[in-house]
PDB file of N, CA and C in Angstrom:
ATOM      1  N   MET A   1       2.291  -1.827  24.222  1.00  0.00           N
ATOM      2  CA  MET A   1       2.108  -1.601  22.452  1.00  0.00           C
ATOM      3  C   MET A   1       1.223  -1.603  22.055  1.00  0.00           C
ATOM      4  N   ALA A   2      -0.389  -1.699  22.983  1.00  0.00           N
ATOM      5  CA  ALA A   2      -1.531  -1.964  22.335  1.00  0.00           C
ATOM      6  C   ALA A   2      -2.438  -0.978  21.734  1.00  0.00           C
ATOM      7  N   ASP A   3      -1.153  -0.134  21.308  1.00  0.00           N
ATOM      8  CA  ASP A   3      -2.117   1.817  20.869  1.00  0.00           C
ATOM      9  C   ASP A   3      -1.015   2.034  20.533  1.00  0.00           C
ATOM     10  N   LYS A   4       0.262   1.252  19.403  1.00  0.00           N
ATOM     11  CA  LYS A   4       0.523   1.016  18.014  1.00  0.00           C
ATOM     12  C   LYS A   4       0.099  -0.344  17.382  1.00  0.00           C
ATOM     13  N   VAL A   5       0.344   0.296  15.746  1.00  0.00           N
ATOM     14  CA  VAL A   5       0.080  -0.852  15.309  1.00  0.00           C
ATOM     15  C   VAL A   5       1.324  -1.348  14.543  1.00  0.00           C
ATOM     16  N   ARG A   6       1.846  -2.219  13.134  1.00  0.00           N
ATOM     17  CA  ARG A   6       2.840  -2.935  12.678  1.00  0.00           C
ATOM     18  C   ARG A   6       1.615  -3.589  11.170  1.00  0.00           C
ATOM     19  N   ALA A   7       2.248  -2.115  10.608  1.00  0.00           N
ATOM     20  CA  ALA A   7       1.636  -2.596   8.992  1.00  0.00           C
ATOM     21  C   ALA A   7       2.778  -3.420   7.754  1.00  0.00           C
ATOM     22  N   SER A   8       1.603  -3.886   7.087  1.00  0.00           N
ATOM     23  CA  SER A   8       3.219  -3.644   6.065  1.00  0.00           C
ATOM     24  C   SER A   8       2.483  -3.259   4.484  1.00  0.00           C
ATOM     25  N   HIS A   9       2.034  -2.213   3.467  1.00  0.00           N
ATOM     26  CA  HIS A   9       1.266  -1.894   1.933  1.00  0.00           C
ATOM     27  C   HIS A   9       2.007  -2.295   0.926  1.00  0.00           C
ATOM     28  N   LEU A  10       1.113  -1.854   0.470  1.00  0.00           N
ATOM     29  CA  LEU A  10       1.534  -1.589  -1.663  1.00  0.00           C
ATOM     30  C   LEU A  10       0.838  -1.142  -2.237  1.00  0.00           C
ATOM     31  N   LEU A  11       1.493   0.289  -3.100  1.00  0.00           N
ATOM     32  CA  LEU A  11       1.484   0.945  -3.193  1.00  0.00           C
ATOM     33  C   LEU A  11       1.309   1.691  -4.419  1.00  0.00           C
ATOM     34  N   ILE A  12       0.375   1.592  -4.732  1.00  0.00           N
ATOM     35  CA  ILE A  12       0.178   2.225  -6.280  1.00  0.00           C
ATOM     36  C   ILE A  12      -0.343   3.890  -6.813  1.00  0.00           C
ATOM     37  N   LYS A  13       0.926   4.741  -6.895  1.00  0.00           N
ATOM     38  CA  LYS A  13       0.617   5.620  -7.541  1.00  0.00           C
ATOM     39  C   LYS A  13       0.158   5.740  -8.822  1.00  0.00           C
ATOM     40  N   HIS A  14      -0.501   7.051  -8.863  1.00  0.00           N
ATOM     41  CA  HIS A  14      -1.393   8.155  -9.790  1.00  0.00           C
ATOM     42  C   HIS A  14      -1.366   9.137 -10.104  1.00  0.00           C
ATOM     43  N   GLN A  15      -1.998   9.775 -11.576  1.00  0.00           N
ATOM     44  CA  GLN A  15      -1.551  10.922 -11.515  1.00  0.00           C
ATOM     45  C   GLN A  15      -2.314  12.138 -10.902  1.00  0.00           C
ATOM     46  N   GLY A  16      -2.956  11.960 -10.416  1.00  0.00           N
ATOM     47  CA  GLY A  16      -3.089  12.936  -9.391  1.00  0.00           C
ATOM     48  C   GLY A  16      -2.594  12.877  -7.440  1.00  0.00           C
ATOM     49  N   SER A  17      -1.606  11.551  -7.434  1.00  0.00           N
ATOM     50  CA  SER A  17      -0.383  11.199  -6.143  1.00  0.00           C
ATOM     51  C   SER A  17       0.233  13.137  -6.068  1.00  0.00           C
ATOM     52  N   ARG A  18       0.319  13.006  -4.400  1.00  0.00           N
ATOM     53  CA  ARG A  18       0.742  14.204  -4.489  1.00  0.00           C
ATOM     54  C   ARG A  18       2.418  14.414  -4.769  1.00  0.00           C
ATOM     55  N   ARG A  19       2.975  12.745  -5.350  1.00  0.00           N
ATOM     56  CA  ARG A  19       4.693  13.174  -5.724  1.00  0.00           C
ATOM     57  C   ARG A  19       4.822  12.042  -7.177  1.00  0.00           C
ATOM     58  N   PRO A  20       4.588  12.440  -7.951  1.00  0.00           N
ATOM     59  CA  PRO A  20       4.341  11.325  -9.110  1.00  0.00           C
ATOM     60  C   PRO A  20       5.427  10.827  -9.403  1.00  0.00           C
ATOM     61  N   ALA A  21       6.635  10.514  -8.913  1.00  0.00           N
ATOM     62  CA  ALA A  21       7.658   8.802  -8.846  1.00  0.00           C
ATOM     63  C   ALA A  21       7.705   8.740  -8.057  1.00  0.00           C
ATOM     64  N   SER A  22       8.868   7.746  -7.910  1.00  0.00           N
ATOM     65  CA  SER A  22       8.952   6.679  -6.959  1.00  0.00           C
ATOM     66  C   SER A  22      10.187   6.240  -7.000  1.00  0.00           C
ATOM     67  N   TRP A  23      10.798   5.402  -6.281  1.00  0.00           N
ATOM     68  CA  TRP A  23      12.240   3.827  -6.751  1.00  0.00           C
ATOM     69  C   TRP A  23      12.064   2.879  -7.847  1.00  0.00           C
ATOM     70  N   LYS A  24      11.481   2.837  -8.622  1.00  0.00           N
ATOM     71  CA  LYS A  24      10.833   2.118 -10.127  1.00  0.00           C
ATOM     72  C   LYS A  24      10.490   3.012 -10.603  1.00  0.00           C
ATOM     73  N   ASP A  25      10.029   4.525 -10.937  1.00  0.00           N
ATOM     74  CA  ASP A  25       9.736   5.850 -11.908  1.00  0.00           C
ATOM     75  C   ASP A  25       9.822   7.035 -11.374  1.00  0.00           C
ATOM     76  N   PRO A  26      11.740   6.548 -11.304  1.00  0.00           N
ATOM     77  CA  PRO A  26      12.230   8.163 -10.209  1.00  0.00           C
ATOM     78  C   PRO A  26      11.450   9.186 -12.151  1.00  0.00           C
ATOM     79  N   ASP A  27      11.936   8.854 -12.829  1.00  0.00           N
ATOM     80  CA  ASP A  27      11.421  10.339 -13.083  1.00  0.00           C
ATOM     81  C   ASP A  27       9.314  10.420 -13.465  1.00  0.00           C
ATOM     82  N   GLY A  28       9.399   9.211 -13.365  1.00  0.00           N
ATOM     83  CA  GLY A  28       6.836   9.181 -13.144  1.00  0.00           C
ATOM     84  C   GLY A  28       6.237   9.058 -14.435  1.00  0.00           C
ATOM     85  N   VAL A  29       7.311   9.199 -15.012  1.00  0.00           N
ATOM     86  CA  VAL A  29       6.711   8.140 -16.204  1.00  0.00           C
ATOM     87  C   VAL A  29       5.637   7.590 -16.404  1.00  0.00           C
ATOM     88  N   ASN A  30       5.643   6.433 -16.322  1.00  0.00           N
ATOM     89  CA  ASN A  30       4.524   5.596 -16.450  1.00  0.00           C
ATOM     90  C   ASN A  30       3.687   6.403 -14.780  1.00  0.00           C
ATOM     91  N   ILE A  31       4.117   6.576 -13.983  1.00  0.00           N
ATOM     92  CA  ILE A  31       2.186   6.951 -13.003  1.00  0.00           C
ATOM     93  C   ILE A  31       2.188   7.486 -13.600  1.00  0.00           C
ATOM     94  N   ARG A  32       3.033   8.806 -14.559  1.00  0.00           N
ATOM     95  CA  ARG A  32       1.846  10.287 -15.356  1.00  0.00           C
ATOM     96  C   ARG A  32       0.460   9.300 -16.473  1.00  0.00           C
ATOM     97  N   GLN A  33       2.027   8.895 -16.065  1.00  0.00           N
ATOM     98  CA  GLN A  33      -0.122   7.919 -17.429  1.00  0.00           C
ATOM     99  C   GLN A  33      -0.376   6.828 -16.935  1.00  0.00           C
ATOM    100  N   THR A  34      -0.915   6.921 -15.162  1.00  0.00           N
ATOM    101  CA  THR A  34      -1.035   5.658 -14.501  1.00  0.00           C
ATOM    102  C   THR A  34      -3.151   7.731 -14.024  1.00  0.00           C
ATOM    103  N   THR A  35      -3.965   6.386 -14.188  1.00  0.00           N
ATOM    104  CA  THR A  35      -5.407   6.988 -13.798  1.00  0.00           C
ATOM    105  C   THR A  35      -5.933   5.881 -12.273  1.00  0.00           C
ATOM    106  N   LYS A  36      -6.220   7.285 -11.159  1.00  0.00           N
ATOM    107  CA  LYS A  36      -6.684   6.745 -10.649  1.00  0.00           C
ATOM    108  C   LYS A  36      -8.157   5.037 -10.448  1.00  0.00           C
ATOM    109  N   GLU A  37      -7.978   5.155 -11.875  1.00  0.00           N
ATOM    110  CA  GLU A  37      -9.183   3.758 -11.780  1.00  0.00           C
ATOM    111  C   GLU A  37      -8.014   2.770 -12.374  1.00  0.00           C
ATOM    112  N   ASP A  38      -6.813   3.239 -12.901  1.00  0.00           N
ATOM    113  CA  ASP A  38      -6.049   2.256 -13.197  1.00  0.00           C
ATOM    114  C   ASP A  38      -5.370   1.666 -12.537  1.00  0.00           C
ATOM    115  N   ALA A  39      -4.975   2.585 -11.416  1.00  0.00           N
ATOM    116  CA  ALA A  39      -3.757   1.557  -9.997  1.00  0.00           C
ATOM    117  C   ALA A  39      -5.139   0.914  -9.604  1.00  0.00           C
ATOM    118  N   ILE A  40      -6.126   1.267  -9.674  1.00  0.00           N
ATOM    119  CA  ILE A  40      -7.277   0.796  -8.165  1.00  0.00           C
ATOM    120  C   ILE A  40      -7.164  -0.764  -8.978  1.00  0.00           C
ATOM    121  N   ALA A  41      -8.095  -0.288 -10.101  1.00  0.00           N
ATOM    122  CA  ALA A  41      -7.808  -1.485 -11.155  1.00  0.00           C
ATOM    123  C   ALA A  41      -6.619  -3.045 -10.838  1.00  0.00           C
ATOM    124  N   GLN A  42      -5.187  -2.519 -11.121  1.00  0.00           N
ATOM    125  CA  GLN A  42      -4.190  -3.295 -10.663  1.00  0.00           C
ATOM    126  C   GLN A  42      -4.549  -3.968  -9.547  1.00  0.00           C
ATOM    127  N   LEU A  43      -4.464  -2.429  -8.075  1.00  0.00           N
ATOM    128  CA  LEU A  43      -4.337  -2.864  -7.044  1.00  0.00           C
ATOM    129  C   LEU A  43      -5.451  -4.360  -6.188  1.00  0.00           C
ATOM    130  N   THR A  44      -6.596  -3.755  -6.671  1.00  0.00           N
ATOM    131  CA  THR A  44      -7.412  -4.759  -6.958  1.00  0.00           C
ATOM    132  C   THR A  44      -7.419  -6.389  -7.647  1.00  0.00           C
ATOM    133  N   GLU A  45      -6.437  -6.296  -8.495  1.00  0.00           N
ATOM    134  CA  GLU A  45      -6.205  -8.142  -9.162  1.00  0.00           C
ATOM    135  C   GLU A  45      -4.865  -7.906  -8.090  1.00  0.00           C
ATOM    136  N   TYR A  46      -3.878  -7.469  -7.439  1.00  0.00           N
ATOM    137  CA  TYR A  46      -3.556  -8.112  -6.166  1.00  0.00           C
ATOM    138  C   TYR A  46      -3.926  -8.917  -5.148  1.00  0.00           C
ATOM    139  N   ARG A  47      -5.005  -7.983  -4.957  1.00  0.00           N
ATOM    140  CA  ARG A  47      -5.299  -8.268  -3.771  1.00  0.00           C
ATOM    141  C   ARG A  47      -6.404  -9.962  -3.574  1.00  0.00           C
ATOM    142  N   LYS A  48      -6.867  -9.443  -5.035  1.00  0.00           N
ATOM    143  CA  LYS A  48      -7.418 -10.985  -4.891  1.00  0.00           C
ATOM    144  C   LYS A  48      -5.841 -12.016  -5.685  1.00  0.00           C
ATOM    145  N   ALA A  49      -5.951 -11.990  -5.839  1.00  0.00           N
ATOM    146  CA  ALA A  49      -4.009 -13.277  -6.065  1.00  0.00           C
ATOM    147  C   ALA A  49      -3.796 -13.803  -4.275  1.00  0.00           C
ATOM    148  N   ILE A  50      -3.341 -12.951  -3.624  1.00  0.00           N
ATOM    149  CA  ILE A  50      -2.499 -13.025  -2.003  1.00  0.00           C
ATOM    150  C   ILE A  50      -3.785 -13.556  -1.230  1.00  0.00           C
ATOM    151  N   VAL A  51      -5.438 -13.237  -1.533  1.00  0.00           N
ATOM    152  CA  VAL A  51      -6.198 -13.450  -0.869  1.00  0.00           C
ATOM    153  C   VAL A  51      -6.626 -15.360  -1.451  1.00  0.00           C
ATOM    154  N   GLU A  52      -6.702 -15.405  -2.849  1.00  0.00           N
ATOM    155  CA  GLU A  52      -6.838 -16.435  -3.087  1.00  0.00           C
ATOM    156  C   GLU A  52      -5.185 -17.419  -2.802  1.00  0.00           C
ATOM    157  N   GLY A  53      -4.224 -17.161  -2.677  1.00  0.00           N
ATOM    158  CA  GLY A  53      -2.801 -18.004  -2.308  1.00  0.00           C
ATOM    159  C   GLY A  53      -1.671 -17.609  -3.884  1.00  0.00           C
ATOM    160  N   ARG A  54      -2.409 -17.126  -4.455  1.00  0.00           N
ATOM    161  CA  ARG A  54      -1.377 -17.447  -5.282  1.00  0.00           C
ATOM    162  C   ARG A  54      -0.342 -15.977  -4.830  1.00  0.00           C
ATOM    163  N   ALA A  55      -0.068 -15.649  -4.611  1.00  0.00           N
ATOM    164  CA  ALA A  55       0.448 -14.668  -4.250  1.00  0.00           C
ATOM    165  C   ALA A  55       1.604 -14.336  -3.057  1.00  0.00           C
ATOM    166  N   ASP A  56       1.801 -13.609  -2.442  1.00  0.00           N
ATOM    167  CA  ASP A  56       2.421 -13.076  -0.680  1.00  0.00           C
ATOM    168  C   ASP A  56       2.614 -11.899  -1.501  1.00  0.00           C
ATOM    169  N   PHE A  57       2.012 -11.848  -0.001  1.00  0.00           N
ATOM    170  CA  PHE A  57       1.351 -10.030  -0.451  1.00  0.00           C
ATOM    171  C   PHE A  57       3.067  -9.698  -0.310  1.00  0.00           C
ATOM    172  N   GLY A  58       4.291 -10.141   0.800  1.00  0.00           N
ATOM    173  CA  GLY A  58       5.617  -9.186   0.849  1.00  0.00           C
ATOM    174  C   GLY A  58       6.324  -9.515  -0.577  1.00  0.00           C
ATOM    175  N   GLN A  59       6.516 -10.776  -1.039  1.00  0.00           N
ATOM    176  CA  GLN A  59       6.269 -10.409  -2.537  1.00  0.00           C
ATOM    177  C   GLN A  59       6.284  -9.920  -3.257  1.00  0.00           C
ATOM    178  N   LEU A  60       4.851  -8.905  -3.439  1.00  0.00           N
ATOM    179  CA  LEU A  60       4.097  -8.986  -4.156  1.00  0.00           C
ATOM    180  C   LEU A  60       4.358  -7.033  -4.158  1.00  0.00           C
ATOM    181  N   ALA A  61       4.861  -7.195  -2.534  1.00  0.00           N
ATOM    182  CA  ALA A  61       4.907  -5.646  -2.522  1.00  0.00           C
ATOM    183  C   ALA A  61       6.197  -5.673  -2.089  1.00  0.00           C
ATOM    184  N   GLU A  62       7.069  -6.131  -2.676  1.00  0.00           N
ATOM    185  CA  GLU A  62       8.520  -5.768  -2.642  1.00  0.00           C
ATOM    186  C   GLU A  62       8.807  -6.149  -4.513  1.00  0.00           C
ATOM    187  N   ARG A  63       8.257  -6.029  -5.485  1.00  0.00           N
ATOM    188  CA  ARG A  63       8.031  -6.075  -6.689  1.00  0.00           C
ATOM    189  C   ARG A  63       7.616  -5.657  -6.934  1.00  0.00           C
ATOM    190  N   GLU A  64       5.834  -4.544  -6.813  1.00  0.00           N
ATOM    191  CA  GLU A  64       4.960  -4.252  -7.484  1.00  0.00           C
ATOM    192  C   GLU A  64       4.833  -2.436  -6.890  1.00  0.00           C
ATOM    193  N   SER A  65       5.652  -2.577  -5.688  1.00  0.00           N
ATOM    194  CA  SER A  65       4.420  -1.556  -4.851  1.00  0.00           C
ATOM    195  C   SER A  65       5.204  -0.478  -5.163  1.00  0.00           C
ATOM    196  N   HIS A  66       5.178   1.303  -5.353  1.00  0.00           N
ATOM    197  CA  HIS A  66       6.056   2.238  -5.853  1.00  0.00           C
ATOM    198  C   HIS A  66       5.986   3.165  -4.121  1.00  0.00           C
ATOM    199  N   CYS A  67       6.026   2.857  -3.265  1.00  0.00           N
ATOM    200  CA  CYS A  67       6.872   3.105  -1.937  1.00  0.00           C
ATOM    201  C   CYS A  67       8.722   2.012  -1.790  1.00  0.00           C
ATOM    202  N   SER A  68       9.004   2.843  -0.882  1.00  0.00           N
ATOM    203  CA  SER A  68      10.500   2.464  -0.489  1.00  0.00           C
ATOM    204  C   SER A  68      10.733   1.405   0.893  1.00  0.00           C
ATOM    205  N   SER A  69       9.509   1.453   0.930  1.00  0.00           N
ATOM    206  CA  SER A  69       9.124   0.284   1.908  1.00  0.00           C
ATOM    207  C   SER A  69       9.271  -1.369   0.949  1.00  0.00           C
ATOM    208  N   ALA A  70       8.853  -1.030  -0.209  1.00  0.00           N
ATOM    209  CA  ALA A  70       8.724  -1.775  -1.211  1.00  0.00           C
ATOM    210  C   ALA A  70      10.313  -3.209  -0.793  1.00  0.00           C
ATOM    211  N   LYS A  71      11.696  -2.579  -0.535  1.00  0.00           N
ATOM    212  CA  LYS A  71      12.375  -3.816   0.006  1.00  0.00           C
ATOM    213  C   LYS A  71      12.334  -4.255   1.015  1.00  0.00           C
ATOM    214  N   ARG A  72      11.429  -4.303   1.854  1.00  0.00           N
ATOM    215  CA  ARG A  72      11.190  -4.267   3.082  1.00  0.00           C
ATOM    216  C   ARG A  72       9.750  -5.634   3.011  1.00  0.00           C
ATOM    217  N   GLY A  73       9.047  -5.583   1.959  1.00  0.00           N
ATOM    218  CA  GLY A  73       8.719  -6.462   1.244  1.00  0.00           C
ATOM    219  C   GLY A  73       6.953  -5.496   1.833  1.00  0.00           C
ATOM    220  N   GLY A  74       6.687  -4.302   2.204  1.00  0.00           N
ATOM    221  CA  GLY A  74       5.934  -3.330   2.398  1.00  0.00           C
ATOM    222  C   GLY A  74       5.739  -2.472   4.152  1.00  0.00           C
ATOM    223  N   ASP A  75       6.681  -2.976   4.832  1.00  0.00           N
ATOM    224  CA  ASP A  75       6.529  -3.157   5.782  1.00  0.00           C
ATOM    225  C   ASP A  75       6.770  -1.773   6.587  1.00  0.00           C
ATOM    226  N   MET A  76       6.043  -1.560   6.761  1.00  0.00           N
ATOM    227  CA  MET A  76       6.047   0.301   7.610  1.00  0.00           C
ATOM    228  C   MET A  76       6.659   0.075   9.149  1.00  0.00           C
ATOM    229  N   GLY A  77       6.672  -1.405   9.485  1.00  0.00           N
ATOM    230  CA  GLY A  77       7.059  -1.371  11.038  1.00  0.00           C
ATOM    231  C   GLY A  77       5.456  -0.181  11.836  1.00  0.00           C
ATOM    232  N   TRP A  78       5.825  -0.609  13.243  1.00  0.00           N
ATOM    233  CA  TRP A  78       5.432   0.178  14.194  1.00  0.00           C
ATOM    234  C   TRP A  78       4.507   1.835  13.299  1.00  0.00           C
ATOM    235  N   PHE A  79       3.796   1.545  13.986  1.00  0.00           N
ATOM    236  CA  PHE A  79       2.982   3.773  14.789  1.00  0.00           C
ATOM    237  C   PHE A  79       1.923   3.705  15.220  1.00  0.00           C
ATOM    238  N   GLU A  80       1.335   4.605  15.750  1.00  0.00           N
ATOM    239  CA  GLU A  80       0.668   4.757  16.428  1.00  0.00           C
ATOM    240  C   GLU A  80       0.348   5.708  16.026  1.00  0.00           C
ATOM    241  N   ARG A  81      -1.417   6.409  15.902  1.00  0.00           N
ATOM    242  CA  ARG A  81      -2.533   7.778  15.563  1.00  0.00           C
ATOM    243  C   ARG A  81      -1.536   7.986  16.230  1.00  0.00           C
ATOM    244  N   GLY A  82      -1.519   9.029  14.193  1.00  0.00           N
ATOM    245  CA  GLY A  82      -1.134  10.530  14.229  1.00  0.00           C
ATOM    246  C   GLY A  82       0.180  10.516  13.521  1.00  0.00           C
ATOM    247  N   GLN A  83       0.177   9.537  13.019  1.00  0.00           N
ATOM    248  CA  GLN A  83       1.785   9.505  12.042  1.00  0.00           C
ATOM    249  C   GLN A  83       1.872   9.242  11.053  1.00  0.00           C
ATOM    250  N   MET A  84       0.702   8.551  10.112  1.00  0.00           N
ATOM    251  CA  MET A  84      -0.052   7.990   8.948  1.00  0.00           C
ATOM    252  C   MET A  84      -0.765   9.126   8.569  1.00  0.00           C
ATOM    253  N   GLN A  85      -0.716   9.251   6.803  1.00  0.00           N
ATOM    254  CA  GLN A  85      -2.635   9.678   6.716  1.00  0.00           C
ATOM    255  C   GLN A  85      -3.580   9.793   7.231  1.00  0.00           C
ATOM    256  N   LYS A  86      -4.534   9.632   7.698  1.00  0.00           N
ATOM    257  CA  LYS A  86      -5.406   9.763   8.364  1.00  0.00           C
ATOM    258  C   LYS A  86      -6.807   8.136   7.819  1.00  0.00           C
ATOM    259  N   PRO A  87      -6.445   8.134   6.403  1.00  0.00           N
ATOM    260  CA  PRO A  87      -7.371   7.632   5.431  1.00  0.00           C
ATOM    261  C   PRO A  87      -6.133   6.110   5.378  1.00  0.00           C
ATOM    262  N   PHE A  88      -5.117   5.914   5.977  1.00  0.00           N
ATOM    263  CA  PHE A  88      -4.185   4.917   6.256  1.00  0.00           C
ATOM    264  C   PHE A  88      -4.520   4.556   6.976  1.00  0.00           C
ATOM    265  N   GLU A  89      -3.857   5.038   8.177  1.00  0.00           N
ATOM    266  CA  GLU A  89      -3.913   4.802  10.190  1.00  0.00           C
ATOM    267  C   GLU A  89      -5.343   4.205  10.344  1.00  0.00           C
ATOM    268  N   ASP A  90      -6.691   4.677   9.330  1.00  0.00           N
ATOM    269  CA  ASP A  90      -8.282   4.417  10.517  1.00  0.00           C
ATOM    270  C   ASP A  90      -8.309   3.074   9.626  1.00  0.00           C
ATOM    271  N   ALA A  91      -7.634   2.455   8.187  1.00  0.00           N
ATOM    272  CA  ALA A  91      -8.073   1.277   7.918  1.00  0.00           C
ATOM    273  C   ALA A  91      -7.002   0.554   8.120  1.00  0.00           C
ATOM    274  N   THR A  92      -5.684   0.953   9.317  1.00  0.00           N
ATOM    275  CA  THR A  92      -4.755  -0.571   9.681  1.00  0.00           C
ATOM    276  C   THR A  92      -5.436  -0.411  11.228  1.00  0.00           C
ATOM    277  N   TYR A  93      -5.606   0.683  12.226  1.00  0.00           N
ATOM    278  CA  TYR A  93      -6.636   0.282  13.192  1.00  0.00           C
ATOM    279  C   TYR A  93      -8.050  -1.212  12.814  1.00  0.00           C
ATOM    280  N   ALA A  94      -8.319  -0.294  11.718  1.00  0.00           N
ATOM    281  CA  ALA A  94      -9.568  -1.140  11.679  1.00  0.00           C
ATOM    282  C   ALA A  94      -9.086  -2.806  11.473  1.00  0.00           C
ATOM    283  N   LEU A  95      -8.885  -3.090  10.818  1.00  0.00           N
ATOM    284  CA  LEU A  95      -7.525  -4.622  10.743  1.00  0.00           C
ATOM    285  C   LEU A  95      -7.476  -5.470  11.599  1.00  0.00           C
ATOM    286  N   GLN A  96      -8.243  -7.662  11.719  1.00  0.00           N
ATOM    287  CA  GLN A  96      -6.811  -7.585  12.378  1.00  0.00           C
ATOM    288  C   GLN A  96      -5.751  -8.296  12.156  1.00  0.00           C
ATOM    289  N   VAL A  97      -5.358  -8.570  12.597  1.00  0.00           N
ATOM    290  CA  VAL A  97      -3.614  -9.066  12.510  1.00  0.00           C
ATOM    291  C   VAL A  97      -3.770  -9.786  11.429  1.00  0.00           C
ATOM    292  N   GLY A  98      -2.739 -10.036  10.819  1.00  0.00           N
ATOM    293  CA  GLY A  98      -3.673 -10.236   8.955  1.00  0.00           C
ATOM    294  C   GLY A  98      -3.691 -10.541   8.748  1.00  0.00           C
ATOM    295  N   GLU A  99      -5.378 -10.070   8.696  1.00  0.00           N
ATOM    296  CA  GLU A  99      -5.863  -8.906   7.327  1.00  0.00           C
ATOM    297  C   GLU A  99      -5.873  -9.009   6.165  1.00  0.00           C
ATOM    298  N   ILE A 100      -5.450  -8.590   5.353  1.00  0.00           N
ATOM    299  CA  ILE A 100      -5.981  -7.239   4.357  1.00  0.00           C
ATOM    300  C   ILE A 100      -7.241  -6.687   4.195  1.00  0.00           C
ATOM    301  N   SER A 101      -6.665  -4.685   3.460  1.00  0.00           N
ATOM    302  CA  SER A 101      -8.197  -4.553   3.693  1.00  0.00           C
ATOM    303  C   SER A 101      -8.421  -3.957   1.664  1.00  0.00           C
ATOM    304  N   ASN A 102      -9.172  -2.903   2.214  1.00  0.00           N
ATOM    305  CA  ASN A 102     -10.064  -3.491   0.262  1.00  0.00           C
ATOM    306  C   ASN A 102      -8.762  -1.720   0.290  1.00  0.00           C
ATOM    307  N   ILE A 103      -9.096  -1.303  -0.827  1.00  0.00           N
ATOM    308  CA  ILE A 103      -8.421  -0.508  -1.186  1.00  0.00           C
ATOM    309  C   ILE A 103      -8.548   1.047  -0.815  1.00  0.00           C
ATOM    310  N   VAL A 104      -7.111   1.356  -0.063  1.00  0.00           N
ATOM    311  CA  VAL A 104      -7.305   2.514   0.789  1.00  0.00           C
ATOM    312  C   VAL A 104      -6.733   3.544  -0.132  1.00  0.00           C
ATOM    313  N   ASP A 105      -7.873   4.664   0.225  1.00  0.00           N
ATOM    314  CA  ASP A 105      -7.225   6.167  -0.894  1.00  0.00           C
ATOM    315  C   ASP A 105      -6.292   7.282  -0.442  1.00  0.00           C
ATOM    316  N   THR A 106      -5.040   7.139  -0.258  1.00  0.00           N
ATOM    317  CA  THR A 106      -4.435   8.540   0.832  1.00  0.00           C
ATOM    318  C   THR A 106      -4.035   9.593  -0.473  1.00  0.00           C
ATOM    319  N   ASP A 107      -3.615  10.745  -0.110  1.00  0.00           N
ATOM    320  CA  ASP A 107      -2.590  11.568  -0.635  1.00  0.00           C
ATOM    321  C   ASP A 107      -1.076  11.699  -1.590  1.00  0.00           C
ATOM    322  N   SER A 108      -1.505   9.497  -0.984  1.00  0.00           N
ATOM    323  CA  SER A 108       0.387   8.994  -1.419  1.00  0.00           C
ATOM    324  C   SER A 108      -0.323   8.522  -3.010  1.00  0.00           C
ATOM    325  N   GLY A 109      -1.808   7.948  -3.040  1.00  0.00           N
ATOM    326  CA  GLY A 109      -2.031   6.756  -4.167  1.00  0.00           C
ATOM    327  C   GLY A 109      -3.431   5.909  -3.607  1.00  0.00           C
ATOM    328  N   VAL A 110      -3.111   4.591  -3.988  1.00  0.00           N
ATOM    329  CA  VAL A 110      -3.857   3.718  -3.405  1.00  0.00           C
ATOM    330  C   VAL A 110      -3.134   2.411  -2.501  1.00  0.00           C
ATOM    331  N   HIS A 111      -3.636   1.513  -2.304  1.00  0.00           N
ATOM    332  CA  HIS A 111      -2.809   1.320  -1.274  1.00  0.00           C
ATOM    333  C   HIS A 111      -4.288  -0.384  -0.641  1.00  0.00           C
ATOM    334  N   ILE A 112      -3.138  -1.122  -0.534  1.00  0.00           N
ATOM    335  CA  ILE A 112      -3.545  -3.000  -0.185  1.00  0.00           C
ATOM    336  C   ILE A 112      -3.114  -2.675   1.080  1.00  0.00           C
ATOM    337  N   ILE A 113      -3.808  -2.514   2.235  1.00  0.00           N
ATOM    338  CA  ILE A 113      -2.452  -3.109   3.985  1.00  0.00           C
ATOM    339  C   ILE A 113      -2.748  -4.173   4.464  1.00  0.00           C
ATOM    340  N   GLN A 114      -1.772  -4.673   4.814  1.00  0.00           N
ATOM    341  CA  GLN A 114      -1.794  -6.115   5.687  1.00  0.00           C
ATOM    342  C   GLN A 114      -1.075  -5.827   6.936  1.00  0.00           C
ATOM    343  N   ARG A 115      -1.832  -5.721   8.492  1.00  0.00           N
ATOM    344  CA  ARG A 115      -1.877  -6.098   9.180  1.00  0.00           C
ATOM    345  C   ARG A 115      -1.590  -6.533   9.689  1.00  0.00           C
ATOM    346  N   THR A 116       0.499  -6.383   9.985  1.00  0.00           N
ATOM    347  CA  THR A 116       1.177  -7.341  10.830  1.00  0.00           C
ATOM    348  C   THR A 116       1.421  -7.712  13.122  1.00  0.00           C
ATOM    349  N   GLY A 117       0.974  -6.384  13.214  1.00  0.00           N
ATOM    350  CA  GLY A 117       1.107  -6.369  14.510  1.00  0.00           C
ATOM    351  C   GLY A 117       0.078  -5.232  14.484  1.00  0.00           C
TER     352      GLY A 117
END
């Protein structure tokens, strides 16, 4: 499994996201009003809370992530190179197990990623 990684993530979509709708906002009303800067600011606060031990990554992802993986605490499962958007993949592979990324920008929106395997 050395060539595969496992990760969880918390995704915040914004006006520039390729699909400005999510399970939390099916019509995209709030997403279309969220700037990329606002999404980054929100994620920065979430990351800080996790790193400082004030929030649990999985619980926060479950509550706040715009990805359908939220119902699994953000778990994306195992994947290998070529299966995810390149910025997401590169960030995940650069992490050690247990580490949390800085903000990662993809066509889907902005993420924080925790490598879990």
